[in-house]
Amino acid sequence: MNAPFKSLVDVGHVTDVPARGARVVKLAETEIGVFRTMDDRIFAIDNRCPHRGGPLSEGIVHGHFVTCPLHNWVISLETGLAQGADEGCVRTVPVTVDEAGRLLLDLSALLARRAA
């Protein structure tokens, strides 16, 4: 049985992302927003709002959500789904924090979509 393919990319230290803030990771033509919540959870999602492509990393982080700076759409950092009456979603990217505090993005799903 083959083990699942993983493509882990180190994108910095957890302290590189401010509490209730974000940083952008650019990968070829894709931008991923890496977010840190007040309770120190880390999430990674596409950096473009599904509404008009606003930069989510410049939005306001509250709880496990981010509010787009352009038109106030609220996006779940856990699921990527727009909240309330808004409809749409962004892709989530698995991220882990290793024992040294390094942020590791698992890009295997992104790479698999490109290969298809």
PDB file of N, CA and C in Angstrom:
ATOM      1  N   MET A   1       0.843  -1.176   0.000  1.00  0.00           N
ATOM      2  CA  MET A   1       0.000   0.000   0.000  1.00  0.00           C
ATOM      3  C   MET A   1       0.890   1.241   0.000  1.00  0.00           C
ATOM      4  N   ASN A   2       0.589   2.177  -0.868  1.00  0.00           N
ATOM      5  CA  ASN A   2       1.381   3.402  -0.951  1.00  0.00           C
ATOM      6  C   ASN A   2       0.940   4.410   0.093  1.00  0.00           C
ATOM      7  N   ALA A   3       1.925   5.090   0.692  1.00  0.00           N
ATOM      8  CA  ALA A   3       1.622   6.163   1.639  1.00  0.00           C
ATOM      9  C   ALA A   3       1.178   7.385   0.852  1.00  0.00           C
ATOM     10  N   PRO A   4       0.282   8.207   1.420  1.00  0.00           N
ATOM     11  CA  PRO A   4      -0.143   9.413   0.712  1.00  0.00           C
ATOM     12  C   PRO A   4       1.042  10.339   0.461  1.00  0.00           C
ATOM     13  N   PHE A   5       1.068  10.919  -0.732  1.00  0.00           N
ATOM     14  CA  PHE A   5       2.120  11.857  -1.105  1.00  0.00           C
ATOM     15  C   PHE A   5       1.948  13.153  -0.322  1.00  0.00           C
ATOM     16  N   LYS A   6       3.019  13.652   0.237  1.00  0.00           N
ATOM     17  CA  LYS A   6       2.976  14.942   0.932  1.00  0.00           C
ATOM     18  C   LYS A   6       4.098  15.804   0.401  1.00  0.00           C
ATOM     19  N   SER A   7       3.779  17.041   0.182  1.00  0.00           N
ATOM     20  CA  SER A   7       4.762  18.018  -0.252  1.00  0.00           C
ATOM     21  C   SER A   7       4.749  19.151   0.762  1.00  0.00           C
ATOM     22  N   LEU A   8       5.570  19.020   1.787  1.00  0.00           N
ATOM     23  CA  LEU A   8       5.605  20.006   2.856  1.00  0.00           C
ATOM     24  C   LEU A   8       6.603  21.108   2.530  1.00  0.00           C
ATOM     25  N   VAL A   9       6.140  22.337   2.698  1.00  0.00           N
ATOM     26  CA  VAL A   9       6.981  23.493   2.432  1.00  0.00           C
ATOM     27  C   VAL A   9       7.066  24.329   3.699  1.00  0.00           C
ATOM     28  N   ASP A  10       8.285  24.576   4.164  1.00  0.00           N
ATOM     29  CA  ASP A  10       8.525  25.412   5.333  1.00  0.00           C
ATOM     30  C   ASP A  10       8.362  26.870   4.910  1.00  0.00           C
ATOM     31  N   VAL A  11       7.430  27.590   5.543  1.00  0.00           N
ATOM     32  CA  VAL A  11       7.162  28.981   5.160  1.00  0.00           C
ATOM     33  C   VAL A  11       7.478  29.978   6.272  1.00  0.00           C
ATOM     34  N   GLY A  12       8.207  29.530   7.278  1.00  0.00           N
ATOM     35  CA  GLY A  12       8.621  30.453   8.333  1.00  0.00           C
ATOM     36  C   GLY A  12       8.304  29.925   9.715  1.00  0.00           C
ATOM     37  N   HIS A  13       8.528  30.775  10.686  1.00  0.00           N
ATOM     38  CA  HIS A  13       8.285  30.436  12.084  1.00  0.00           C
ATOM     39  C   HIS A  13       6.931  30.972  12.501  1.00  0.00           C
ATOM     40  N   VAL A  14       6.300  30.303  13.449  1.00  0.00           N
ATOM     41  CA  VAL A  14       4.976  30.721  13.913  1.00  0.00           C
ATOM     42  C   VAL A  14       4.986  32.185  14.364  1.00  0.00           C
ATOM     43  N   THR A  15       6.082  32.652  14.916  1.00  0.00           N
ATOM     44  CA  THR A  15       6.148  34.046  15.375  1.00  0.00           C
ATOM     45  C   THR A  15       6.263  35.045  14.221  1.00  0.00           C
ATOM     46  N   ASP A  16       6.464  34.552  12.992  1.00  0.00           N
ATOM     47  CA  ASP A  16       6.464  35.443  11.830  1.00  0.00           C
ATOM     48  C   ASP A  16       5.053  35.942  11.502  1.00  0.00           C
ATOM     49  N   VAL A  17       4.049  35.269  12.049  1.00  0.00           N
ATOM     50  CA  VAL A  17       2.658  35.649  11.825  1.00  0.00           C
ATOM     51  C   VAL A  17       2.142  36.271  13.123  1.00  0.00           C
ATOM     52  N   PRO A  18       1.750  37.533  13.086  1.00  0.00           N
ATOM     53  CA  PRO A  18       1.282  38.171  14.322  1.00  0.00           C
ATOM     54  C   PRO A  18      -0.042  37.584  14.799  1.00  0.00           C
ATOM     55  N   ALA A  19      -0.258  37.602  16.110  1.00  0.00           N
ATOM     56  CA  ALA A  19      -1.543  37.160  16.650  1.00  0.00           C
ATOM     57  C   ALA A  19      -2.638  38.029  16.052  1.00  0.00           C
ATOM     58  N   ARG A  20      -3.749  37.375  15.648  1.00  0.00           N
ATOM     59  CA  ARG A  20      -4.869  38.036  14.971  1.00  0.00           C
ATOM     60  C   ARG A  20      -4.409  38.750  13.704  1.00  0.00           C
ATOM     61  N   GLY A  21      -3.462  38.114  13.011  1.00  0.00           N
ATOM     62  CA  GLY A  21      -2.939  38.684  11.776  1.00  0.00           C
ATOM     63  C   GLY A  21      -2.627  37.609  10.767  1.00  0.00           C
ATOM     64  N   ALA A  22      -1.930  38.020   9.712  1.00  0.00           N
ATOM     65  CA  ALA A  22      -1.630  37.097   8.621  1.00  0.00           C
ATOM     66  C   ALA A  22      -0.347  37.507   7.918  1.00  0.00           C
ATOM     67  N   ARG A  23       0.158  36.588   7.131  1.00  0.00           N
ATOM     68  CA  ARG A  23       1.234  36.885   6.188  1.00  0.00           C
ATOM     69  C   ARG A  23       0.920  36.139   4.903  1.00  0.00           C
ATOM     70  N   VAL A  24       1.514  36.601   3.812  1.00  0.00           N
ATOM     71  CA  VAL A  24       1.255  36.012   2.507  1.00  0.00           C
ATOM     72  C   VAL A  24       2.438  35.160   2.084  1.00  0.00           C
ATOM     73  N   VAL A  25       2.136  33.993   1.552  1.00  0.00           N
ATOM     74  CA  VAL A  25       3.141  33.114   0.974  1.00  0.00           C
ATOM     75  C   VAL A  25       2.832  33.039  -0.518  1.00  0.00           C
ATOM     76  N   LYS A  26       3.801  33.437  -1.352  1.00  0.00           N
ATOM     77  CA  LYS A  26       3.609  33.396  -2.801  1.00  0.00           C
ATOM     78  C   LYS A  26       4.258  32.143  -3.357  1.00  0.00           C
ATOM     79  N   LEU A  27       3.464  31.358  -4.083  1.00  0.00           N
ATOM     80  CA  LEU A  27       3.926  30.112  -4.684  1.00  0.00           C
ATOM     81  C   LEU A  27       3.525  30.132  -6.151  1.00  0.00           C
ATOM     82  N   ALA A  28       4.480  30.411  -7.013  1.00  0.00           N
ATOM     83  CA  ALA A  28       4.202  30.551  -8.455  1.00  0.00           C
ATOM     84  C   ALA A  28       3.089  31.570  -8.632  1.00  0.00           C
ATOM     85  N   GLU A  29       1.956  31.171  -9.228  1.00  0.00           N
ATOM     86  CA  GLU A  29       0.861  32.114  -9.446  1.00  0.00           C
ATOM     87  C   GLU A  29      -0.176  32.094  -8.330  1.00  0.00           C
ATOM     88  N   THR A  30       0.089  31.388  -7.244  1.00  0.00           N
ATOM     89  CA  THR A  30      -0.848  31.263  -6.132  1.00  0.00           C
ATOM     90  C   THR A  30      -0.350  32.031  -4.917  1.00  0.00           C
ATOM     91  N   GLU A  31      -1.276  32.725  -4.245  1.00  0.00           N
ATOM     92  CA  GLU A  31      -0.969  33.361  -2.964  1.00  0.00           C
ATOM     93  C   GLU A  31      -1.786  32.672  -1.884  1.00  0.00           C
ATOM     94  N   ILE A  32      -1.098  32.258  -0.826  1.00  0.00           N
ATOM     95  CA  ILE A  32      -1.736  31.622   0.324  1.00  0.00           C
ATOM     96  C   ILE A  32      -1.620  32.580   1.500  1.00  0.00           C
ATOM     97  N   GLY A  33      -2.732  32.815   2.167  1.00  0.00           N
ATOM     98  CA  GLY A  33      -2.717  33.592   3.403  1.00  0.00           C
ATOM     99  C   GLY A  33      -2.549  32.640   4.569  1.00  0.00           C
ATOM    100  N   VAL A  34      -1.559  32.915   5.411  1.00  0.00           N
ATOM    101  CA  VAL A  34      -1.340  32.119   6.622  1.00  0.00           C
ATOM    102  C   VAL A  34      -1.773  32.992   7.790  1.00  0.00           C
ATOM    103  N   PHE A  35      -2.744  32.517   8.553  1.00  0.00           N
ATOM    104  CA  PHE A  35      -3.389  33.301   9.603  1.00  0.00           C
ATOM    105  C   PHE A  35      -3.095  32.709  10.974  1.00  0.00           C
ATOM    106  N   ARG A  36      -2.985  33.590  11.960  1.00  0.00           N
ATOM    107  CA  ARG A  36      -2.805  33.163  13.357  1.00  0.00           C
ATOM    108  C   ARG A  36      -3.907  33.820  14.180  1.00  0.00           C
ATOM    109  N   THR A  37      -4.678  32.999  14.849  1.00  0.00           N
ATOM    110  CA  THR A  37      -5.795  33.510  15.639  1.00  0.00           C
ATOM    111  C   THR A  37      -5.333  33.878  17.052  1.00  0.00           C
ATOM    112  N   MET A  38      -6.220  34.523  17.784  1.00  0.00           N
ATOM    113  CA  MET A  38      -5.887  34.941  19.145  1.00  0.00           C
ATOM    114  C   MET A  38      -5.564  33.744  20.042  1.00  0.00           C
ATOM    115  N   ASP A  39      -6.182  32.583  19.765  1.00  0.00           N
ATOM    116  CA  ASP A  39      -5.894  31.387  20.563  1.00  0.00           C
ATOM    117  C   ASP A  39      -4.725  30.583  19.981  1.00  0.00           C
ATOM    118  N   ASP A  40      -3.898  31.247  19.145  1.00  0.00           N
ATOM    119  CA  ASP A  40      -2.670  30.688  18.571  1.00  0.00           C
ATOM    120  C   ASP A  40      -2.883  29.510  17.627  1.00  0.00           C
ATOM    121  N   ARG A  41      -4.056  29.402  17.026  1.00  0.00           N
ATOM    122  CA  ARG A  41      -4.238  28.399  15.974  1.00  0.00           C
ATOM    123  C   ARG A  41      -3.770  28.998  14.659  1.00  0.00           C
ATOM    124  N   ILE A  42      -3.246  28.138  13.799  1.00  0.00           N
ATOM    125  CA  ILE A  42      -2.724  28.565  12.493  1.00  0.00           C
ATOM    126  C   ILE A  42      -3.604  27.964  11.402  1.00  0.00           C
ATOM    127  N   PHE A  43      -3.976  28.788  10.430  1.00  0.00           N
ATOM    128  CA  PHE A  43      -4.774  28.356   9.288  1.00  0.00           C
ATOM    129  C   PHE A  43      -4.138  28.890   8.018  1.00  0.00           C
ATOM    130  N   ALA A  44      -4.369  28.206   6.911  1.00  0.00           N
ATOM    131  CA  ALA A  44      -3.885  28.669   5.608  1.00  0.00           C
ATOM    132  C   ALA A  44      -5.009  28.510   4.591  1.00  0.00           C
ATOM    133  N   ILE A  45      -5.270  29.586   3.851  1.00  0.00           N
ATOM    134  CA  ILE A  45      -6.314  29.580   2.823  1.00  0.00           C
ATOM    135  C   ILE A  45      -5.832  30.409   1.635  1.00  0.00           C
ATOM    136  N   ASP A  46      -6.513  30.247   0.497  1.00  0.00           N
ATOM    137  CA  ASP A  46      -6.239  31.125  -0.638  1.00  0.00           C
ATOM    138  C   ASP A  46      -6.391  32.567  -0.172  1.00  0.00           C
ATOM    139  N   ASN A  47      -5.554  33.438  -0.699  1.00  0.00           N
ATOM    140  CA  ASN A  47      -5.547  34.832  -0.262  1.00  0.00           C
ATOM    141  C   ASN A  47      -6.545  35.694  -1.030  1.00  0.00           C
ATOM    142  N   ARG A  48      -7.408  35.101  -1.830  1.00  0.00           N
ATOM    143  CA  ARG A  48      -8.355  35.876  -2.635  1.00  0.00           C
ATOM    144  C   ARG A  48      -9.792  35.578  -2.202  1.00  0.00           C
ATOM    145  N   CYS A  49     -10.496  36.622  -1.813  1.00  0.00           N
ATOM    146  CA  CYS A  49     -11.899  36.489  -1.430  1.00  0.00           C
ATOM    147  C   CYS A  49     -12.697  35.972  -2.629  1.00  0.00           C
ATOM    148  N   PRO A  50     -13.671  35.067  -2.405  1.00  0.00           N
ATOM    149  CA  PRO A  50     -14.451  34.542  -3.527  1.00  0.00           C
ATOM    150  C   PRO A  50     -15.395  35.581  -4.142  1.00  0.00           C
ATOM    151  N   HIS A  51     -15.597  36.685  -3.478  1.00  0.00           N
ATOM    152  CA  HIS A  51     -16.511  37.707  -3.978  1.00  0.00           C
ATOM    153  C   HIS A  51     -15.887  38.522  -5.097  1.00  0.00           C
ATOM    154  N   ARG A  52     -14.818  39.247  -4.796  1.00  0.00           N
ATOM    155  CA  ARG A  52     -14.170  40.104  -5.795  1.00  0.00           C
ATOM    156  C   ARG A  52     -12.654  40.000  -5.761  1.00  0.00           C
ATOM    157  N   GLY A  53     -12.148  38.951  -5.129  1.00  0.00           N
ATOM    158  CA  GLY A  53     -10.708  38.722  -5.136  1.00  0.00           C
ATOM    159  C   GLY A  53      -9.922  39.571  -4.166  1.00  0.00           C
ATOM    160  N   GLY A  54     -10.585  40.130  -3.170  1.00  0.00           N
ATOM    161  CA  GLY A  54      -9.884  40.960  -2.187  1.00  0.00           C
ATOM    162  C   GLY A  54      -8.819  40.179  -1.438  1.00  0.00           C
ATOM    163  N   PRO A  55      -7.759  40.862  -0.998  1.00  0.00           N
ATOM    164  CA  PRO A  55      -6.664  40.193  -0.283  1.00  0.00           C
ATOM    165  C   PRO A  55      -7.051  39.867   1.161  1.00  0.00           C
ATOM    166  N   LEU A  56      -7.435  38.635   1.413  1.00  0.00           N
ATOM    167  CA  LEU A  56      -7.897  38.241   2.737  1.00  0.00           C
ATOM    168  C   LEU A  56      -6.854  38.466   3.819  1.00  0.00           C
ATOM    169  N   SER A  57      -5.572  38.365   3.462  1.00  0.00           N
ATOM    170  CA  SER A  57      -4.507  38.558   4.449  1.00  0.00           C
ATOM    171  C   SER A  57      -4.492  39.989   4.999  1.00  0.00           C
ATOM    172  N   GLU A  58      -5.160  40.918   4.328  1.00  0.00           N
ATOM    173  CA  GLU A  58      -5.249  42.300   4.800  1.00  0.00           C
ATOM    174  C   GLU A  58      -6.539  42.552   5.572  1.00  0.00           C
ATOM    175  N   GLY A  59      -7.323  41.490   5.771  1.00  0.00           N
ATOM    176  CA  GLY A  59      -8.593  41.618   6.473  1.00  0.00           C
ATOM    177  C   GLY A  59      -8.434  41.543   7.976  1.00  0.00           C
ATOM    178  N   ILE A  60      -9.560  41.618   8.667  1.00  0.00           N
ATOM    179  CA  ILE A  60      -9.587  41.565  10.131  1.00  0.00           C
ATOM    180  C   ILE A  60      -9.835  40.127  10.560  1.00  0.00           C
ATOM    181  N   VAL A  61      -8.929  39.598  11.400  1.00  0.00           N
ATOM    182  CA  VAL A  61      -9.062  38.244  11.939  1.00  0.00           C
ATOM    183  C   VAL A  61      -9.819  38.338  13.258  1.00  0.00           C
ATOM    184  N   HIS A  62     -10.910  37.569  13.355  1.00  0.00           N
ATOM    185  CA  HIS A  62     -11.720  37.549  14.581  1.00  0.00           C
ATOM    186  C   HIS A  62     -12.207  36.123  14.788  1.00  0.00           C
ATOM    187  N   GLY A  63     -11.938  35.598  15.967  1.00  0.00           N
ATOM    188  CA  GLY A  63     -12.246  34.183  16.198  1.00  0.00           C
ATOM    189  C   GLY A  63     -11.496  33.349  15.187  1.00  0.00           C
ATOM    190  N   HIS A  64     -12.199  32.459  14.511  1.00  0.00           N
ATOM    191  CA  HIS A  64     -11.601  31.631  13.452  1.00  0.00           C
ATOM    192  C   HIS A  64     -12.129  32.063  12.084  1.00  0.00           C
ATOM    193  N   PHE A  65     -12.276  33.383  11.929  1.00  0.00           N
ATOM    194  CA  PHE A  65     -12.799  33.975  10.701  1.00  0.00           C
ATOM    195  C   PHE A  65     -11.927  35.153  10.291  1.00  0.00           C
ATOM    196  N   VAL A  66     -12.032  35.519   9.016  1.00  0.00           N
ATOM    197  CA  VAL A  66     -11.394  36.735   8.524  1.00  0.00           C
ATOM    198  C   VAL A  66     -12.443  37.504   7.728  1.00  0.00           C
ATOM    199  N   THR A  67     -12.454  38.821   7.902  1.00  0.00           N
ATOM    200  CA  THR A  67     -13.367  39.676   7.149  1.00  0.00           C
ATOM    201  C   THR A  67     -12.589  40.343   6.035  1.00  0.00           C
ATOM    202  N   CYS A  68     -13.053  40.166   4.812  1.00  0.00           N
ATOM    203  CA  CYS A  68     -12.388  40.736   3.638  1.00  0.00           C
ATOM    204  C   CYS A  68     -12.369  42.256   3.744  1.00  0.00           C
ATOM    205  N   PRO A  69     -11.226  42.880   3.420  1.00  0.00           N
ATOM    206  CA  PRO A  69     -11.132  44.339   3.541  1.00  0.00           C
ATOM    207  C   PRO A  69     -11.905  45.098   2.463  1.00  0.00           C
ATOM    208  N   LEU A  70     -12.335  44.434   1.395  1.00  0.00           N
ATOM    209  CA  LEU A  70     -13.023  45.157   0.319  1.00  0.00           C
ATOM    210  C   LEU A  70     -14.517  45.321   0.557  1.00  0.00           C
ATOM    211  N   HIS A  71     -15.223  44.220   0.827  1.00  0.00           N
ATOM    212  CA  HIS A  71     -16.680  44.292   0.920  1.00  0.00           C
ATOM    213  C   HIS A  71     -17.232  43.565   2.144  1.00  0.00           C
ATOM    214  N   ASN A  72     -16.368  43.338   3.128  1.00  0.00           N
ATOM    215  CA  ASN A  72     -16.777  42.780   4.429  1.00  0.00           C
ATOM    216  C   ASN A  72     -17.346  41.370   4.394  1.00  0.00           C
ATOM    217  N   TRP A  73     -17.013  40.591   3.375  1.00  0.00           N
ATOM    218  CA  TRP A  73     -17.406  39.185   3.426  1.00  0.00           C
ATOM    219  C   TRP A  73     -16.628  38.513   4.551  1.00  0.00           C
ATOM    220  N   VAL A  74     -17.286  37.629   5.280  1.00  0.00           N
ATOM    221  CA  VAL A  74     -16.655  36.891   6.374  1.00  0.00           C
ATOM    222  C   VAL A  74     -16.398  35.466   5.896  1.00  0.00           C
ATOM    223  N   ILE A  75     -15.137  35.034   6.007  1.00  0.00           N
ATOM    224  CA  ILE A  75     -14.711  33.714   5.535  1.00  0.00           C
ATOM    225  C   ILE A  75     -14.216  32.897   6.727  1.00  0.00           C
ATOM    226  N   SER A  76     -14.670  31.651   6.819  1.00  0.00           N
ATOM    227  CA  SER A  76     -14.193  30.749   7.857  1.00  0.00           C
ATOM    228  C   SER A  76     -12.765  30.319   7.544  1.00  0.00           C
ATOM    229  N   LEU A  77     -11.887  30.476   8.507  1.00  0.00           N
ATOM    230  CA  LEU A  77     -10.502  30.016   8.327  1.00  0.00           C
ATOM    231  C   LEU A  77     -10.422  28.495   8.396  1.00  0.00           C
ATOM    232  N   GLU A  78     -11.393  27.864   9.051  1.00  0.00           N
ATOM    233  CA  GLU A  78     -11.396  26.407   9.185  1.00  0.00           C
ATOM    234  C   GLU A  78     -11.885  25.708   7.917  1.00  0.00           C
ATOM    235  N   THR A  79     -12.942  26.240   7.307  1.00  0.00           N
ATOM    236  CA  THR A  79     -13.556  25.561   6.167  1.00  0.00           C
ATOM    237  C   THR A  79     -13.375  26.289   4.839  1.00  0.00           C
ATOM    238  N   GLY A  80     -13.068  27.577   4.880  1.00  0.00           N
ATOM    239  CA  GLY A  80     -12.965  28.387   3.670  1.00  0.00           C
ATOM    240  C   GLY A  80     -14.304  28.889   3.164  1.00  0.00           C
ATOM    241  N   LEU A  81     -15.403  28.571   3.853  1.00  0.00           N
ATOM    242  CA  LEU A  81     -16.740  28.953   3.406  1.00  0.00           C
ATOM    243  C   LEU A  81     -17.105  30.377   3.821  1.00  0.00           C
ATOM    244  N   ALA A  82     -17.786  31.083   2.899  1.00  0.00           N
ATOM    245  CA  ALA A  82     -18.338  32.392   3.222  1.00  0.00           C
ATOM    246  C   ALA A  82     -19.461  32.195   4.235  1.00  0.00           C
ATOM    247  N   GLN A  83     -19.612  33.150   5.126  1.00  0.00           N
ATOM    248  CA  GLN A  83     -20.600  33.047   6.195  1.00  0.00           C
ATOM    249  C   GLN A  83     -21.825  33.898   5.895  1.00  0.00           C
ATOM    250  N   GLY A  84     -22.901  33.644   6.643  1.00  0.00           N
ATOM    251  CA  GLY A  84     -24.124  34.425   6.510  1.00  0.00           C
ATOM    252  C   GLY A  84     -24.795  34.176   5.174  1.00  0.00           C
ATOM    253  N   ALA A  85     -25.340  35.241   4.606  1.00  0.00           N
ATOM    254  CA  ALA A  85     -26.071  35.131   3.339  1.00  0.00           C
ATOM    255  C   ALA A  85     -25.141  35.024   2.136  1.00  0.00           C
ATOM    256  N   ASP A  86     -23.858  35.312   2.323  1.00  0.00           N
ATOM    257  CA  ASP A  86     -22.904  35.261   1.213  1.00  0.00           C
ATOM    258  C   ASP A  86     -22.610  33.811   0.846  1.00  0.00           C
ATOM    259  N   GLU A  87     -22.391  33.574  -0.442  1.00  0.00           N
ATOM    260  CA  GLU A  87     -22.095  32.229  -0.914  1.00  0.00           C
ATOM    261  C   GLU A  87     -20.775  32.219  -1.658  1.00  0.00           C
ATOM    262  N   GLY A  88     -19.977  31.219  -1.391  1.00  0.00           N
ATOM    263  CA  GLY A  88     -18.682  31.066  -2.034  1.00  0.00           C
ATOM    264  C   GLY A  88     -17.723  30.427  -1.054  1.00  0.00           C
ATOM    265  N   CYS A  89     -16.568  30.079  -1.558  1.00  0.00           N
ATOM    266  CA  CYS A  89     -15.564  29.494  -0.679  1.00  0.00           C
ATOM    267  C   CYS A  89     -14.174  29.704  -1.277  1.00  0.00           C
ATOM    268  N   VAL A  90     -13.200  29.560  -0.413  1.00  0.00           N
ATOM    269  CA  VAL A  90     -11.804  29.576  -0.826  1.00  0.00           C
ATOM    270  C   VAL A  90     -11.208  28.230  -0.435  1.00  0.00           C
ATOM    271  N   ARG A  91     -10.134  27.881  -1.095  1.00  0.00           N
ATOM    272  CA  ARG A  91      -9.450  26.620  -0.827  1.00  0.00           C
ATOM    273  C   ARG A  91      -8.679  26.748   0.498  1.00  0.00           C
ATOM    274  N   THR A  92      -8.772  25.719   1.318  1.00  0.00           N
ATOM    275  CA  THR A  92      -7.959  25.648   2.526  1.00  0.00           C
ATOM    276  C   THR A  92      -6.721  24.823   2.223  1.00  0.00           C
ATOM    277  N   VAL A  93      -5.644  25.099   2.927  1.00  0.00           N
ATOM    278  CA  VAL A  93      -4.389  24.378   2.747  1.00  0.00           C
ATOM    279  C   VAL A  93      -3.979  23.831   4.116  1.00  0.00           C
ATOM    280  N   PRO A  94      -3.750  22.523   4.220  1.00  0.00           N
ATOM    281  CA  PRO A  94      -3.318  21.973   5.504  1.00  0.00           C
ATOM    282  C   PRO A  94      -1.989  22.593   5.938  1.00  0.00           C
ATOM    283  N   VAL A  95      -1.934  22.987   7.209  1.00  0.00           N
ATOM    284  CA  VAL A  95      -0.719  23.575   7.767  1.00  0.00           C
ATOM    285  C   VAL A  95      -0.491  22.982   9.152  1.00  0.00           C
ATOM    286  N   THR A  96       0.757  22.687   9.443  1.00  0.00           N
ATOM    287  CA  THR A  96       1.122  22.193  10.769  1.00  0.00           C
ATOM    288  C   THR A  96       2.265  23.043  11.308  1.00  0.00           C
ATOM    289  N   VAL A  97       2.398  22.993  12.613  1.00  0.00           N
ATOM    290  CA  VAL A  97       3.513  23.651  13.283  1.00  0.00           C
ATOM    291  C   VAL A  97       4.356  22.533  13.888  1.00  0.00           C
ATOM    292  N   ASP A  98       5.627  22.455  13.471  1.00  0.00           N
ATOM    293  CA  ASP A  98       6.468  21.375  13.993  1.00  0.00           C
ATOM    294  C   ASP A  98       6.985  21.720  15.386  1.00  0.00           C
ATOM    295  N   GLU A  99       7.747  20.808  15.969  1.00  0.00           N
ATOM    296  CA  GLU A  99       8.227  20.995  17.348  1.00  0.00           C
ATOM    297  C   GLU A  99       9.155  22.197  17.506  1.00  0.00           C
ATOM    298  N   ALA A 100       9.729  22.672  16.426  1.00  0.00           N
ATOM    299  CA  ALA A 100      10.594  23.851  16.479  1.00  0.00           C
ATOM    300  C   ALA A 100       9.822  25.150  16.201  1.00  0.00           C
ATOM    301  N   GLY A 101       8.496  25.029  15.987  1.00  0.00           N
ATOM    302  CA  GLY A 101       7.689  26.209  15.714  1.00  0.00           C
ATOM    303  C   GLY A 101       7.671  26.622  14.256  1.00  0.00           C
ATOM    304  N   ARG A 102       8.166  25.735  13.364  1.00  0.00           N
ATOM    305  CA  ARG A 102       8.171  26.044  11.932  1.00  0.00           C
ATOM    306  C   ARG A 102       6.800  25.739  11.330  1.00  0.00           C
ATOM    307  N   LEU A 103       6.349  26.600  10.420  1.00  0.00           N
ATOM    308  CA  LEU A 103       5.081  26.429   9.726  1.00  0.00           C
ATOM    309  C   LEU A 103       5.304  25.611   8.466  1.00  0.00           C
ATOM    310  N   LEU A 104       4.582  24.500   8.349  1.00  0.00           N
ATOM    311  CA  LEU A 104       4.731  23.607   7.206  1.00  0.00           C
ATOM    312  C   LEU A 104       3.408  23.515   6.451  1.00  0.00           C
ATOM    313  N   LEU A 105       3.394  24.034   5.228  1.00  0.00           N
ATOM    314  CA  LEU A 105       2.217  23.918   4.371  1.00  0.00           C
ATOM    315  C   LEU A 105       2.290  22.612   3.600  1.00  0.00           C
ATOM    316  N   ASP A 106       1.186  21.885   3.558  1.00  0.00           N
ATOM    317  CA  ASP A 106       1.104  20.655   2.773  1.00  0.00           C
ATOM    318  C   ASP A 106       0.494  21.014   1.419  1.00  0.00           C
ATOM    319  N   LEU A 107       1.326  21.098   0.395  1.00  0.00           N
ATOM    320  CA  LEU A 107       0.896  21.523  -0.927  1.00  0.00           C
ATOM    321  C   LEU A 107       0.491  20.368  -1.824  1.00  0.00           C
ATOM    322  N   SER A 108       0.414  19.161  -1.293  1.00  0.00           N
ATOM    323  CA  SER A 108       0.123  18.005  -2.134  1.00  0.00           C
ATOM    324  C   SER A 108      -1.215  18.139  -2.859  1.00  0.00           C
ATOM    325  N   ALA A 109      -2.239  18.681  -2.214  1.00  0.00           N
ATOM    326  CA  ALA A 109      -3.537  18.841  -2.883  1.00  0.00           C
ATOM    327  C   ALA A 109      -3.445  19.857  -4.004  1.00  0.00           C
ATOM    328  N   LEU A 110      -2.694  20.939  -3.792  1.00  0.00           N
ATOM    329  CA  LEU A 110      -2.525  21.946  -4.844  1.00  0.00           C
ATOM    330  C   LEU A 110      -1.787  21.355  -6.036  1.00  0.00           C
ATOM    331  N   LEU A 111      -0.745  20.587  -5.754  1.00  0.00           N
ATOM    332  CA  LEU A 111       0.050  19.985  -6.834  1.00  0.00           C
ATOM    333  C   LEU A 111      -0.763  18.948  -7.597  1.00  0.00           C
ATOM    334  N   ALA A 112      -1.599  18.183  -6.881  1.00  0.00           N
ATOM    335  CA  ALA A 112      -2.415  17.167  -7.530  1.00  0.00           C
ATOM    336  C   ALA A 112      -3.427  17.823  -8.480  1.00  0.00           C
ATOM    337  N   ARG A 113      -4.010  18.949  -8.082  1.00  0.00           N
ATOM    338  CA  ARG A 113      -4.966  19.646  -8.944  1.00  0.00           C
ATOM    339  C   ARG A 113      -4.302  20.158 -10.214  1.00  0.00           C
ATOM    340  N   ARG A 114      -3.058  20.635 -10.078  1.00  0.00           N
ATOM    341  CA  ARG A 114      -2.345  21.138 -11.248  1.00  0.00           C
ATOM    342  C   ARG A 114      -2.000  20.012 -12.219  1.00  0.00           C
ATOM    343  N   ALA A 115      -1.702  18.817 -11.680  1.00  0.00           N
ATOM    344  CA  ALA A 115      -1.320  17.694 -12.520  1.00  0.00           C
ATOM    345  C   ALA A 115      -2.515  17.097 -13.263  1.00  0.00           C
ATOM    346  N   ALA A 116      -3.699  17.308 -12.715  1.00  0.00           N
ATOM    347  CA  ALA A 116      -4.915  16.720 -13.324  1.00  0.00           C
ATOM    348  C   ALA A 116      -5.336  17.435 -14.585  1.00  0.00           C
TER     349      ALA A 116
END
